[in-house]
Amino acid sequence: MGRRQISKIILCETVFIGIISLGVGLVVGIFGSQFMSILVSKLFEADMSKFEFVFSKAACVKTCLYFAVMYLAVAIFNTVTISRYKLINLLNAMKKNEKVKMKNPFLSIVVFAIASGILGYSYWKVTADVRSLNTANKTFFVILLGIVGTILVFWSLSGFILSVVKANKNLYLKDVNMFVLRQINNKINTMVVSMSVICLMLFVTITVLSSSLALRNTMQRDLLEMTPVDLNLYKIANLPEKSHLRKRNDLYRSTKTRFSNYNRRNVAK
């Protein structure tokens, strides 16, 4: 086989996998969006009597278009990458060990300690000292500290673990711990960005979810406080005689009281 044939095979595999994943993703996304709509409506106690199954053609077309653009970029990248290698190197690629990049142990320990302190301060500032975060700038600064601390923790984690375990010779030299530890160290080094992004995405998800639940509870509490009854009657009359006005006011109060008591009994039932 030549490089072009290998590139064609990889391109066909990429397109085939892309079509399958796109189809499964569209089906799951269509039905999952309906489920999320029902869930959000239930959380905010919205009227579901007129709920309908919604399918957006524009969103489907955009999803397919963006997915095709991403997969086209991946296919081009794979083709260019394959064209730079020889066939013998591709066949023996799985037999080659990845190069282990070691960090300075002392630097890893210092960075890990600093990053842990930054994360601890950020969590304390958000939870215990929440009243001081009365402006968007202060909140953004604390979030920025958390992002920096998360990245630094994962960057220094491998070197920190390796330094701690190497201090205990009995554990480090036991069985194949030396090999396993260095492999884990290398995997952490190559996935610093991925693990940091995943943690930050989880942070955003938890923050948005908790904010939505708090907003929902606030809206329900305000709704109960602002609408204690189902019906309010207001009557404004410009009457010249005070006696007639007093009679109208008395009639209005008695009518409003009867309606309020009637609605409270219905709500209780």
C-alpha atoms as a PDB file:
ATOM      1  CA  MET A   1       0.000   0.000   0.000  1.00  0.00           C
ATOM      2  CA  GLY A   2       1.008   3.541  -0.640  1.00  0.00           C
ATOM      3  CA  ARG A   3       0.409   6.546   1.532  1.00  0.00           C
ATOM      4  CA  ARG A   4      -2.572   7.664  -0.548  1.00  0.00           C
ATOM      5  CA  GLN A   5      -4.282   4.304  -0.103  1.00  0.00           C
ATOM      6  CA  ILE A   6      -3.735   4.414   3.649  1.00  0.00           C
ATOM      7  CA  SER A   7      -5.044   7.969   3.748  1.00  0.00           C
ATOM      8  CA  LYS A   8      -8.148   6.899   1.812  1.00  0.00           C
ATOM      9  CA  ILE A   9      -8.788   4.041   4.247  1.00  0.00           C
ATOM     10  CA  ILE A  10      -8.461   6.335   7.259  1.00  0.00           C
ATOM     11  CA  LEU A  11     -10.664   8.931   5.560  1.00  0.00           C
ATOM     12  CA  CYS A  12     -13.375   6.331   4.858  1.00  0.00           C
ATOM     13  CA  GLU A  13     -13.209   5.073   8.446  1.00  0.00           C
ATOM     14  CA  THR A  14     -13.474   8.607   9.770  1.00  0.00           C
ATOM     15  CA  VAL A  15     -16.490   9.393   7.569  1.00  0.00           C
ATOM     16  CA  PHE A  16     -18.199   6.096   8.442  1.00  0.00           C
ATOM     17  CA  ILE A  17     -17.730   6.622  12.188  1.00  0.00           C
ATOM     18  CA  GLY A  18     -18.824  10.248  11.814  1.00  0.00           C
ATOM     19  CA  ILE A  19     -22.090   9.291  10.091  1.00  0.00           C
ATOM     20  CA  ILE A  20     -22.921   6.740  12.803  1.00  0.00           C
ATOM     21  CA  SER A  21     -22.088   9.112  15.646  1.00  0.00           C
ATOM     22  CA  LEU A  22     -24.012  11.960  13.988  1.00  0.00           C
ATOM     23  CA  GLY A  23     -27.120   9.788  13.566  1.00  0.00           C
ATOM     24  CA  VAL A  24     -27.021   8.519  17.143  1.00  0.00           C
ATOM     25  CA  GLY A  25     -26.325  12.024  18.439  1.00  0.00           C
ATOM     26  CA  LEU A  26     -29.253  13.537  16.546  1.00  0.00           C
ATOM     27  CA  VAL A  27     -31.693  10.900  17.829  1.00  0.00           C
ATOM     28  CA  VAL A  28     -30.507  11.237  21.419  1.00  0.00           C
ATOM     29  CA  GLY A  29     -30.423  15.031  21.143  1.00  0.00           C
ATOM     30  CA  ILE A  30     -33.948  15.332  19.744  1.00  0.00           C
ATOM     31  CA  PHE A  31     -35.544  13.233  22.464  1.00  0.00           C
ATOM     32  CA  GLY A  32     -33.181  14.503  25.156  1.00  0.00           C
ATOM     33  CA  SER A  33     -34.118  18.106  24.407  1.00  0.00           C
ATOM     34  CA  GLN A  34     -37.808  17.279  24.902  1.00  0.00           C
ATOM     35  CA  PHE A  35     -37.000  15.654  28.225  1.00  0.00           C
ATOM     36  CA  MET A  36     -35.008  18.696  29.339  1.00  0.00           C
ATOM     37  CA  SER A  37     -37.882  20.988  28.317  1.00  0.00           C
ATOM     38  CA  ILE A  38     -40.304  18.966  30.436  1.00  0.00           C
ATOM     39  CA  LEU A  39     -37.860  18.906  33.345  1.00  0.00           C
ATOM     40  CA  VAL A  40     -37.325  22.682  33.283  1.00  0.00           C
ATOM     41  CA  SER A  41     -41.072  23.284  32.975  1.00  0.00           C
ATOM     42  CA  LYS A  42     -41.723  21.049  35.964  1.00  0.00           C
ATOM     43  CA  LEU A  43     -39.069  22.840  38.002  1.00  0.00           C
ATOM     44  CA  PHE A  44     -40.678  26.235  37.342  1.00  0.00           C
ATOM     45  CA  GLU A  45     -44.231  24.840  37.543  1.00  0.00           C
ATOM     46  CA  ALA A  46     -45.135  26.009  34.048  1.00  0.00           C
ATOM     47  CA  ASP A  47     -48.368  25.116  32.292  1.00  0.00           C
ATOM     48  CA  MET A  48     -47.796  21.884  30.341  1.00  0.00           C
ATOM     49  CA  SER A  49     -51.279  21.593  28.842  1.00  0.00           C
ATOM     50  CA  LYS A  50     -50.118  23.009  25.487  1.00  0.00           C
ATOM     51  CA  PHE A  51     -46.775  21.201  25.352  1.00  0.00           C
ATOM     52  CA  GLU A  52     -45.927  19.843  21.898  1.00  0.00           C
ATOM     53  CA  PHE A  53     -43.108  17.777  20.473  1.00  0.00           C
ATOM     54  CA  VAL A  54     -40.787  20.259  18.785  1.00  0.00           C
ATOM     55  CA  PHE A  55     -38.290  19.487  16.029  1.00  0.00           C
ATOM     56  CA  SER A  56     -36.171  22.333  14.695  1.00  0.00           C
ATOM     57  CA  LYS A  57     -35.062  21.795  11.109  1.00  0.00           C
ATOM     58  CA  ALA A  58     -32.729  24.791  11.286  1.00  0.00           C
ATOM     59  CA  ALA A  59     -30.970  23.396  14.354  1.00  0.00           C
ATOM     60  CA  CYS A  60     -30.649  19.973  12.702  1.00  0.00           C
ATOM     61  CA  VAL A  61     -29.138  21.480   9.550  1.00  0.00           C
ATOM     62  CA  LYS A  62     -26.687  23.584  11.562  1.00  0.00           C
ATOM     63  CA  THR A  63     -25.679  20.559  13.648  1.00  0.00           C
ATOM     64  CA  CYS A  64     -24.968  18.496  10.539  1.00  0.00           C
ATOM     65  CA  LEU A  65     -23.078  21.379   8.940  1.00  0.00           C
ATOM     66  CA  TYR A  66     -20.866  22.077  11.971  1.00  0.00           C
ATOM     67  CA  PHE A  67     -20.257  18.362  12.490  1.00  0.00           C
ATOM     68  CA  ALA A  68     -19.216  17.992   8.840  1.00  0.00           C
ATOM     69  CA  VAL A  69     -16.826  20.932   9.132  1.00  0.00           C
ATOM     70  CA  MET A  70     -15.189  19.448  12.255  1.00  0.00           C
ATOM     71  CA  TYR A  71     -14.839  16.013  10.689  1.00  0.00           C
ATOM     72  CA  LEU A  72     -13.454  17.518   7.494  1.00  0.00           C
ATOM     73  CA  ALA A  73     -10.787  19.284   9.546  1.00  0.00           C
ATOM     74  CA  VAL A  74      -9.999  15.998  11.351  1.00  0.00           C
ATOM     75  CA  ALA A  75      -9.774  14.113   8.057  1.00  0.00           C
ATOM     76  CA  ILE A  76      -7.405  16.678   6.560  1.00  0.00           C
ATOM     77  CA  PHE A  77      -5.260  16.616   9.702  1.00  0.00           C
ATOM     78  CA  ASN A  78      -5.089  12.801   9.662  1.00  0.00           C
ATOM     79  CA  THR A  79      -4.204  12.755   5.981  1.00  0.00           C
ATOM     80  CA  VAL A  80      -1.387  15.248   6.442  1.00  0.00           C
ATOM     81  CA  THR A  81      -0.109  13.366   9.502  1.00  0.00           C
ATOM     82  CA  ILE A  82      -0.130   9.990   7.746  1.00  0.00           C
ATOM     83  CA  SER A  83       1.680  11.415   4.728  1.00  0.00           C
ATOM     84  CA  ARG A  84       4.659  12.280   6.931  1.00  0.00           C
ATOM     85  CA  TYR A  85       5.211   8.712   8.200  1.00  0.00           C
ATOM     86  CA  LYS A  86       6.540   5.605   6.587  1.00  0.00           C
ATOM     87  CA  LEU A  87       4.454   2.468   6.494  1.00  0.00           C
ATOM     88  CA  ILE A  88       6.944   0.519   8.626  1.00  0.00           C
ATOM     89  CA  ASN A  89       6.720   3.186  11.330  1.00  0.00           C
ATOM     90  CA  LEU A  90       2.923   2.975  11.329  1.00  0.00           C
ATOM     91  CA  LEU A  91       3.023  -0.817  11.700  1.00  0.00           C
ATOM     92  CA  ASN A  92       5.441  -0.628  14.627  1.00  0.00           C
ATOM     93  CA  ALA A  93       3.906   2.431  16.299  1.00  0.00           C
ATOM     94  CA  MET A  94       2.134   0.384  19.006  1.00  0.00           C
ATOM     95  CA  LYS A  95       5.388  -1.323  20.001  1.00  0.00           C
ATOM     96  CA  LYS A  96       7.159   1.942  20.807  1.00  0.00           C
ATOM     97  CA  ASN A  97       6.953   3.367  24.309  1.00  0.00           C
ATOM     98  CA  GLU A  98       5.974   6.965  24.768  1.00  0.00           C
ATOM     99  CA  LYS A  99       8.754   9.230  25.892  1.00  0.00           C
ATOM    100  CA  VAL A 100       8.530   9.899  29.610  1.00  0.00           C
ATOM    101  CA  LYS A 101       8.950  13.577  30.439  1.00  0.00           C
ATOM    102  CA  MET A 102      10.029  14.112  34.019  1.00  0.00           C
ATOM    103  CA  LYS A 103       9.512  17.387  35.857  1.00  0.00           C
ATOM    104  CA  ASN A 104      11.731  18.815  38.528  1.00  0.00           C
ATOM    105  CA  PRO A 105      10.541  17.122  41.770  1.00  0.00           C
ATOM    106  CA  PHE A 106      11.205  20.167  43.951  1.00  0.00           C
ATOM    107  CA  LEU A 107       9.400  22.462  41.516  1.00  0.00           C
ATOM    108  CA  SER A 108       6.440  20.064  41.353  1.00  0.00           C
ATOM    109  CA  ILE A 109       6.096  19.986  45.133  1.00  0.00           C
ATOM    110  CA  VAL A 110       6.271  23.780  45.416  1.00  0.00           C
ATOM    111  CA  VAL A 111       3.774  24.343  42.591  1.00  0.00           C
ATOM    112  CA  PHE A 112       1.412  21.699  44.008  1.00  0.00           C
ATOM    113  CA  ALA A 113       1.489  23.350  47.436  1.00  0.00           C
ATOM    114  CA  ILE A 114       0.843  26.799  45.962  1.00  0.00           C
ATOM    115  CA  ALA A 115      -1.948  25.496  43.714  1.00  0.00           C
ATOM    116  CA  SER A 116      -3.613  23.696  46.638  1.00  0.00           C
ATOM    117  CA  GLY A 117      -3.478  26.907  48.651  1.00  0.00           C
ATOM    118  CA  ILE A 118      -5.031  28.885  45.774  1.00  0.00           C
ATOM    119  CA  LEU A 119      -7.843  26.339  45.388  1.00  0.00           C
ATOM    120  CA  GLY A 120      -8.475  26.258  49.138  1.00  0.00           C
ATOM    121  CA  TYR A 121      -8.653  30.057  49.287  1.00  0.00           C
ATOM    122  CA  SER A 122     -11.042  30.155  46.306  1.00  0.00           C
ATOM    123  CA  TYR A 123     -13.398  27.596  47.850  1.00  0.00           C
ATOM    124  CA  TRP A 124     -13.300  29.384  51.217  1.00  0.00           C
ATOM    125  CA  LYS A 125     -13.968  32.734  49.557  1.00  0.00           C
ATOM    126  CA  VAL A 126     -16.975  31.353  47.670  1.00  0.00           C
ATOM    127  CA  THR A 127     -18.562  29.427  50.557  1.00  0.00           C
ATOM    128  CA  ALA A 128     -17.606  30.990  53.901  1.00  0.00           C
ATOM    129  CA  ASP A 129     -17.069  34.610  52.814  1.00  0.00           C
ATOM    130  CA  VAL A 130     -19.821  34.874  50.205  1.00  0.00           C
ATOM    131  CA  ARG A 131     -21.072  38.245  51.507  1.00  0.00           C
ATOM    132  CA  SER A 132     -17.870  39.965  50.457  1.00  0.00           C
ATOM    133  CA  LEU A 133     -18.462  38.931  46.809  1.00  0.00           C
ATOM    134  CA  ASN A 134     -20.954  41.719  46.210  1.00  0.00           C
ATOM    135  CA  THR A 135     -19.610  42.750  42.814  1.00  0.00           C
ATOM    136  CA  ALA A 136     -19.010  40.921  39.548  1.00  0.00           C
ATOM    137  CA  ASN A 137     -15.310  41.862  39.541  1.00  0.00           C
ATOM    138  CA  LYS A 138     -14.659  40.155  42.880  1.00  0.00           C
ATOM    139  CA  THR A 139     -16.547  37.042  41.799  1.00  0.00           C
ATOM    140  CA  PHE A 140     -14.646  36.903  38.512  1.00  0.00           C
ATOM    141  CA  PHE A 141     -11.342  37.224  40.368  1.00  0.00           C
ATOM    142  CA  VAL A 142     -12.187  34.269  42.638  1.00  0.00           C
ATOM    143  CA  ILE A 143     -13.254  32.154  39.629  1.00  0.00           C
ATOM    144  CA  LEU A 144     -10.018  33.074  37.852  1.00  0.00           C
ATOM    145  CA  LEU A 145      -8.028  31.959  40.900  1.00  0.00           C
ATOM    146  CA  GLY A 146      -9.889  28.637  40.859  1.00  0.00           C
ATOM    147  CA  ILE A 147      -9.095  28.114  37.166  1.00  0.00           C
ATOM    148  CA  VAL A 148      -5.402  28.847  37.679  1.00  0.00           C
ATOM    149  CA  GLY A 149      -5.272  26.614  40.756  1.00  0.00           C
ATOM    150  CA  THR A 150      -6.933  23.714  38.915  1.00  0.00           C
ATOM    151  CA  ILE A 151      -4.495  23.873  35.994  1.00  0.00           C
ATOM    152  CA  LEU A 152      -1.468  24.102  38.292  1.00  0.00           C
ATOM    153  CA  VAL A 153      -2.669  21.175  40.420  1.00  0.00           C
ATOM    154  CA  PHE A 154      -2.872  18.857  37.420  1.00  0.00           C
ATOM    155  CA  TRP A 155       0.391  20.194  36.015  1.00  0.00           C
ATOM    156  CA  SER A 156       2.303  19.398  39.202  1.00  0.00           C
ATOM    157  CA  LEU A 157       0.318  16.334  40.316  1.00  0.00           C
ATOM    158  CA  SER A 158       2.429  13.739  38.499  1.00  0.00           C
ATOM    159  CA  GLY A 159       5.729  15.077  39.773  1.00  0.00           C
ATOM    160  CA  PHE A 160       4.327  15.451  43.276  1.00  0.00           C
ATOM    161  CA  ILE A 161       3.062  11.843  43.416  1.00  0.00           C
ATOM    162  CA  LEU A 162       6.317  10.525  41.988  1.00  0.00           C
ATOM    163  CA  SER A 163       8.370  12.458  44.549  1.00  0.00           C
ATOM    164  CA  VAL A 164       6.233  11.273  47.467  1.00  0.00           C
ATOM    165  CA  VAL A 165       6.340   7.610  46.406  1.00  0.00           C
ATOM    166  CA  LYS A 166      10.061   7.676  45.628  1.00  0.00           C
ATOM    167  CA  ALA A 167      10.687   8.840  49.178  1.00  0.00           C
ATOM    168  CA  ASN A 168       9.407   5.427  50.327  1.00  0.00           C
ATOM    169  CA  LYS A 169      11.920   3.030  48.746  1.00  0.00           C
ATOM    170  CA  ASN A 170      10.099  -0.112  49.900  1.00  0.00           C
ATOM    171  CA  LEU A 171       6.939   0.950  48.089  1.00  0.00           C
ATOM    172  CA  TYR A 172       8.686   2.386  45.038  1.00  0.00           C
ATOM    173  CA  LEU A 173      10.881  -0.703  44.396  1.00  0.00           C
ATOM    174  CA  LYS A 174       8.173  -3.267  45.181  1.00  0.00           C
ATOM    175  CA  ASP A 175       7.022  -5.466  42.284  1.00  0.00           C
ATOM    176  CA  VAL A 176       6.415  -3.306  39.192  1.00  0.00           C
ATOM    177  CA  ASN A 177       5.443  -0.134  41.052  1.00  0.00           C
ATOM    178  CA  MET A 178       8.312   1.762  39.452  1.00  0.00           C
ATOM    179  CA  PHE A 179       7.037   1.022  35.939  1.00  0.00           C
ATOM    180  CA  VAL A 180       3.354   1.607  36.777  1.00  0.00           C
ATOM    181  CA  LEU A 181       4.064   4.864  38.570  1.00  0.00           C
ATOM    182  CA  ARG A 182       6.096   6.270  35.703  1.00  0.00           C
ATOM    183  CA  GLN A 183       3.410   5.299  33.192  1.00  0.00           C
ATOM    184  CA  ILE A 184       0.754   7.044  35.306  1.00  0.00           C
ATOM    185  CA  ASN A 185       3.059  10.021  35.619  1.00  0.00           C
ATOM    186  CA  ASN A 186       3.401  10.204  31.832  1.00  0.00           C
ATOM    187  CA  LYS A 187      -0.342   9.882  31.233  1.00  0.00           C
ATOM    188  CA  ILE A 188      -1.050  12.715  33.656  1.00  0.00           C
ATOM    189  CA  ASN A 189       1.559  14.869  31.929  1.00  0.00           C
ATOM    190  CA  THR A 190      -0.054  14.365  28.523  1.00  0.00           C
ATOM    191  CA  MET A 191      -3.610  14.959  29.785  1.00  0.00           C
ATOM    192  CA  VAL A 192      -3.144  18.093  31.891  1.00  0.00           C
ATOM    193  CA  VAL A 193      -5.227  20.252  29.540  1.00  0.00           C
ATOM    194  CA  SER A 194      -7.962  17.617  29.111  1.00  0.00           C
ATOM    195  CA  MET A 195      -8.401  17.018  32.854  1.00  0.00           C
ATOM    196  CA  SER A 196      -8.367  20.742  33.581  1.00  0.00           C
ATOM    197  CA  VAL A 197     -11.031  21.441  30.938  1.00  0.00           C
ATOM    198  CA  ILE A 198     -13.216  18.578  32.235  1.00  0.00           C
ATOM    199  CA  CYS A 199     -13.012  19.901  35.800  1.00  0.00           C
ATOM    200  CA  LEU A 200     -13.847  23.432  34.668  1.00  0.00           C
ATOM    201  CA  MET A 201     -16.826  22.144  32.657  1.00  0.00           C
ATOM    202  CA  LEU A 202     -18.074  20.311  35.743  1.00  0.00           C
ATOM    203  CA  PHE A 203     -17.657  23.544  37.706  1.00  0.00           C
ATOM    204  CA  VAL A 204     -19.753  25.467  35.172  1.00  0.00           C
ATOM    205  CA  THR A 205     -22.419  22.729  35.153  1.00  0.00           C
ATOM    206  CA  ILE A 206     -22.717  22.634  38.944  1.00  0.00           C
ATOM    207  CA  THR A 207     -22.796  26.435  39.143  1.00  0.00           C
ATOM    208  CA  VAL A 208     -25.521  26.800  36.503  1.00  0.00           C
ATOM    209  CA  LEU A 209     -27.604  23.994  38.041  1.00  0.00           C
ATOM    210  CA  SER A 210     -27.411  25.397  41.565  1.00  0.00           C
ATOM    211  CA  SER A 211     -28.182  28.907  40.302  1.00  0.00           C
ATOM    212  CA  SER A 212     -31.235  27.620  38.412  1.00  0.00           C
ATOM    213  CA  LEU A 213     -32.558  25.798  41.465  1.00  0.00           C
ATOM    214  CA  ALA A 214     -32.030  28.888  43.621  1.00  0.00           C
ATOM    215  CA  LEU A 215     -33.834  31.042  41.027  1.00  0.00           C
ATOM    216  CA  ARG A 216     -36.702  28.585  40.937  1.00  0.00           C
ATOM    217  CA  ASN A 217     -37.075  28.582  44.745  1.00  0.00           C
ATOM    218  CA  THR A 218     -36.994  32.384  44.825  1.00  0.00           C
ATOM    219  CA  MET A 219     -39.658  32.676  42.133  1.00  0.00           C
ATOM    220  CA  GLN A 220     -41.952  30.225  43.920  1.00  0.00           C
ATOM    221  CA  ARG A 221     -41.528  32.010  47.256  1.00  0.00           C
ATOM    222  CA  ASP A 222     -42.228  35.405  45.702  1.00  0.00           C
ATOM    223  CA  LEU A 223     -45.246  33.998  43.892  1.00  0.00           C
ATOM    224  CA  LEU A 224     -46.764  32.725  47.127  1.00  0.00           C
ATOM    225  CA  GLU A 225     -46.075  35.997  48.936  1.00  0.00           C
ATOM    226  CA  MET A 226     -47.398  38.265  46.178  1.00  0.00           C
ATOM    227  CA  THR A 227     -50.521  36.235  45.350  1.00  0.00           C
ATOM    228  CA  PRO A 228     -52.029  34.959  48.622  1.00  0.00           C
ATOM    229  CA  VAL A 229     -55.515  34.654  47.035  1.00  0.00           C
ATOM    230  CA  ASP A 230     -56.803  33.673  43.622  1.00  0.00           C
ATOM    231  CA  LEU A 231     -58.986  36.739  43.037  1.00  0.00           C
ATOM    232  CA  ASN A 232     -58.781  40.398  44.083  1.00  0.00           C
ATOM    233  CA  LEU A 233     -61.684  42.839  43.565  1.00  0.00           C
ATOM    234  CA  TYR A 234     -61.129  46.579  43.432  1.00  0.00           C
ATOM    235  CA  LYS A 235     -63.929  49.171  43.208  1.00  0.00           C
ATOM    236  CA  ILE A 236     -63.322  52.897  42.856  1.00  0.00           C
ATOM    237  CA  ALA A 237     -66.337  55.180  43.079  1.00  0.00           C
ATOM    238  CA  ASN A 238     -66.526  58.978  43.206  1.00  0.00           C
ATOM    239  CA  LEU A 239     -69.539  59.604  45.443  1.00  0.00           C
ATOM    240  CA  PRO A 240     -70.278  63.048  46.888  1.00  0.00           C
ATOM    241  CA  GLU A 241     -71.977  61.859  50.064  1.00  0.00           C
ATOM    242  CA  LYS A 242     -69.844  60.282  52.744  1.00  0.00           C
ATOM    243  CA  SER A 243     -72.666  58.068  53.962  1.00  0.00           C
ATOM    244  CA  HIS A 244     -73.101  56.505  50.536  1.00  0.00           C
ATOM    245  CA  LEU A 245     -69.332  56.118  50.197  1.00  0.00           C
ATOM    246  CA  ARG A 246     -69.154  54.432  53.595  1.00  0.00           C
ATOM    247  CA  LYS A 247     -71.876  51.988  52.538  1.00  0.00           C
ATOM    248  CA  ARG A 248     -70.052  51.199  49.302  1.00  0.00           C
ATOM    249  CA  ASN A 249     -66.790  50.638  51.193  1.00  0.00           C
ATOM    250  CA  ASP A 250     -68.470  48.355  53.700  1.00  0.00           C
ATOM    251  CA  LEU A 251     -70.029  46.379  50.862  1.00  0.00           C
ATOM    252  CA  TYR A 252     -66.674  46.158  49.111  1.00  0.00           C
ATOM    253  CA  ARG A 253     -64.890  44.904  52.255  1.00  0.00           C
ATOM    254  CA  SER A 254     -67.516  42.264  52.952  1.00  0.00           C
ATOM    255  CA  THR A 255     -67.447  41.082  49.316  1.00  0.00           C
ATOM    256  CA  LYS A 256     -63.643  40.898  49.290  1.00  0.00           C
ATOM    257  CA  THR A 257     -63.657  38.969  52.575  1.00  0.00           C
ATOM    258  CA  ARG A 258     -66.146  36.434  51.243  1.00  0.00           C
ATOM    259  CA  PHE A 259     -64.150  35.913  48.058  1.00  0.00           C
ATOM    260  CA  SER A 260     -60.898  35.528  49.998  1.00  0.00           C
ATOM    261  CA  ASN A 261     -62.377  33.006  52.430  1.00  0.00           C
ATOM    262  CA  TYR A 262     -63.946  31.094  49.534  1.00  0.00           C
ATOM    263  CA  ASN A 263     -60.617  30.886  47.662  1.00  0.00           C
ATOM    264  CA  ARG A 264     -58.710  29.833  50.770  1.00  0.00           C
ATOM    265  CA  ARG A 265     -61.166  26.988  51.329  1.00  0.00           C
ATOM    266  CA  ASN A 266     -60.780  25.876  47.704  1.00  0.00           C
ATOM    267  CA  VAL A 267     -56.994  25.991  47.944  1.00  0.00           C
ATOM    268  CA  ALA A 268     -57.104  23.990  51.172  1.00  0.00           C
ATOM    269  CA  LYS A 269     -59.263  21.363  49.502  1.00  0.00           C
END
